[in-house]
Amino acid sequence: LNLLYELTSDYGRSVMRPAIALLLTLAIAACTFARLAGASGNPWTWPKPIWLAAWSSLLPFMGLSATGRQVMETSVCHADADCVAKLYAIGGVEGFFAIVFLFLLGFGLRNLFRIR
């Protein structure tokens, strides 16, 4: 756990590491959402609902909102119950990592601007 804390935030002294980890979390979740939706090709050619689902799951206060759920259920999975369950699982894991990395990002910003 200590090694993970060092790697992801340099013990709260880095702002860049958690920001990169947060963007990496977004990219992995978007790729997984695209795979479930059957989208192929370059990421910039994926339909907007895939990116909207990935961003709404990344921000903890948006992921479980009515809009986020509606986009996931209707636009990405087309109301397939198995796909929707997988989307919620992926969104939950993404949300967990997002909360951790947002905390570490805030901790790094606090330490960056702390008056000594």
Protein backbone atom coordinates (compact mmCIF):
# COMPACT_ATOMS: atom_id res chain seq x y z
CA LEU A 1 0.00 0.00 0.00
CA ASN A 2 2.88 2.32 0.81
CA LEU A 3 4.51 1.61 -2.56
CA LEU A 4 1.23 2.33 -4.36
CA TYR A 5 0.91 5.62 -2.49
CA GLU A 6 4.44 6.54 -3.51
CA LEU A 7 3.93 5.58 -7.16
CA THR A 8 0.62 7.38 -7.62
CA SER A 9 1.31 10.61 -5.76
CA ASP A 10 4.89 10.74 -4.48
CA TYR A 11 3.49 10.94 -0.94
CA GLY A 12 1.24 13.86 -1.80
CA ARG A 13 3.97 15.96 -3.41
CA SER A 14 2.97 15.34 -7.03
CA VAL A 15 0.03 16.80 -8.90
CA MET A 16 0.95 15.29 -12.25
CA ARG A 17 0.96 11.63 -11.19
CA PRO A 18 -2.64 11.50 -9.95
CA ALA A 19 -3.77 13.59 -12.94
CA ILE A 20 -2.15 11.11 -15.32
CA ALA A 21 -3.65 8.20 -13.37
CA LEU A 22 -7.07 9.84 -13.57
CA LEU A 23 -6.78 10.28 -17.34
CA LEU A 24 -5.56 6.70 -17.66
CA THR A 25 -8.61 5.54 -15.70
CA LEU A 26 -10.82 7.49 -18.10
CA ALA A 27 -9.12 5.96 -21.15
CA ILE A 28 -9.36 2.39 -19.84
CA ALA A 29 -13.02 2.82 -18.94
CA ALA A 30 -13.83 4.38 -22.32
CA CYS A 31 -12.11 1.48 -24.12
CA THR A 32 -14.09 -0.99 -22.05
CA PHE A 33 -17.36 0.86 -22.70
CA ALA A 34 -16.57 0.94 -26.41
CA ARG A 35 -15.86 -2.78 -26.45
CA LEU A 36 -19.20 -3.49 -24.76
CA ALA A 37 -21.01 -1.21 -27.19
CA GLY A 38 -19.32 -2.86 -30.16
CA ALA A 39 -17.58 0.30 -31.31
CA SER A 40 -14.37 -0.10 -33.23
CA GLY A 41 -11.81 2.14 -34.83
CA ASN A 42 -10.01 5.11 -33.39
CA PRO A 43 -11.24 6.60 -30.12
CA TRP A 44 -12.19 9.89 -31.76
CA THR A 45 -14.62 7.98 -34.03
CA TRP A 46 -16.52 6.36 -31.16
CA PRO A 47 -20.08 7.58 -30.57
CA LYS A 48 -20.52 10.43 -28.10
CA PRO A 49 -22.55 8.33 -25.58
CA ILE A 50 -19.47 6.17 -24.93
CA TRP A 51 -17.43 9.20 -23.95
CA LEU A 52 -20.35 10.66 -21.99
CA ALA A 53 -20.70 7.42 -20.03
CA ALA A 54 -16.95 7.34 -19.32
CA TRP A 55 -16.86 10.96 -18.17
CA SER A 56 -20.01 10.65 -16.07
CA SER A 57 -18.57 7.61 -14.28
CA LEU A 58 -15.28 9.42 -13.74
CA LEU A 59 -16.90 12.22 -11.78
CA PRO A 60 -18.34 10.62 -8.63
CA PHE A 61 -21.25 13.02 -8.33
CA MET A 62 -22.41 12.41 -11.93
CA GLY A 63 -21.97 8.66 -12.42
CA LEU A 64 -25.08 7.58 -10.61
CA SER A 65 -27.23 10.50 -11.70
CA ALA A 66 -30.36 9.94 -13.74
CA THR A 67 -28.71 11.32 -16.88
CA GLY A 68 -25.67 9.09 -16.51
CA ARG A 69 -27.83 6.00 -16.00
CA GLN A 70 -30.05 6.89 -18.95
CA VAL A 71 -27.10 7.37 -21.30
CA MET A 72 -25.55 4.07 -20.19
CA GLU A 73 -28.76 2.09 -20.49
CA THR A 74 -30.24 3.45 -23.71
CA SER A 75 -27.41 4.81 -25.81
CA VAL A 76 -24.53 2.48 -25.04
CA CYS A 77 -26.24 -0.85 -24.32
CA HIS A 78 -29.60 -0.36 -26.03
CA ALA A 79 -31.43 -1.69 -22.93
CA ASP A 80 -29.66 -5.10 -22.90
CA ALA A 81 -29.82 -6.20 -19.24
CA ASP A 82 -26.51 -8.10 -19.27
CA CYS A 83 -24.68 -5.19 -20.90
CA VAL A 84 -26.22 -2.71 -18.45
CA ALA A 85 -25.04 -4.81 -15.49
CA LYS A 86 -21.51 -4.87 -16.92
CA LEU A 87 -21.62 -1.11 -17.49
CA TYR A 88 -22.61 -0.48 -13.88
CA ALA A 89 -19.81 -2.74 -12.66
CA ILE A 90 -17.25 -0.96 -14.84
CA GLY A 91 -18.65 2.43 -13.82
CA GLY A 92 -18.40 1.46 -10.15
CA VAL A 93 -14.76 0.42 -10.47
CA GLU A 94 -13.98 3.57 -12.46
CA GLY A 95 -15.75 5.68 -9.84
CA PHE A 96 -13.74 4.08 -7.03
CA PHE A 97 -10.42 4.79 -8.73
CA ALA A 98 -11.61 8.28 -9.67
CA ILE A 99 -12.37 9.10 -6.03
CA VAL A 100 -8.92 7.87 -4.97
CA PHE A 101 -7.09 9.80 -7.68
CA LEU A 102 -9.19 12.96 -7.20
CA PHE A 103 -8.31 12.83 -3.50
CA LEU A 104 -4.62 12.43 -4.31
CA LEU A 105 -4.86 15.26 -6.85
CA GLY A 106 -6.46 17.52 -4.26
CA PHE A 107 -3.86 16.48 -1.71
CA GLY A 108 -1.08 17.34 -4.16
CA LEU A 109 -2.64 20.73 -4.93
CA ARG A 110 -2.99 21.43 -1.21
CA ASN A 111 0.67 20.63 -0.65
CA LEU A 112 1.71 22.64 -3.71
CA PHE A 113 0.06 25.84 -2.48
CA ARG A 114 0.62 25.36 1.24
CA ILE A 115 2.23 28.26 3.01
CA ARG A 116 5.29 27.12 4.88
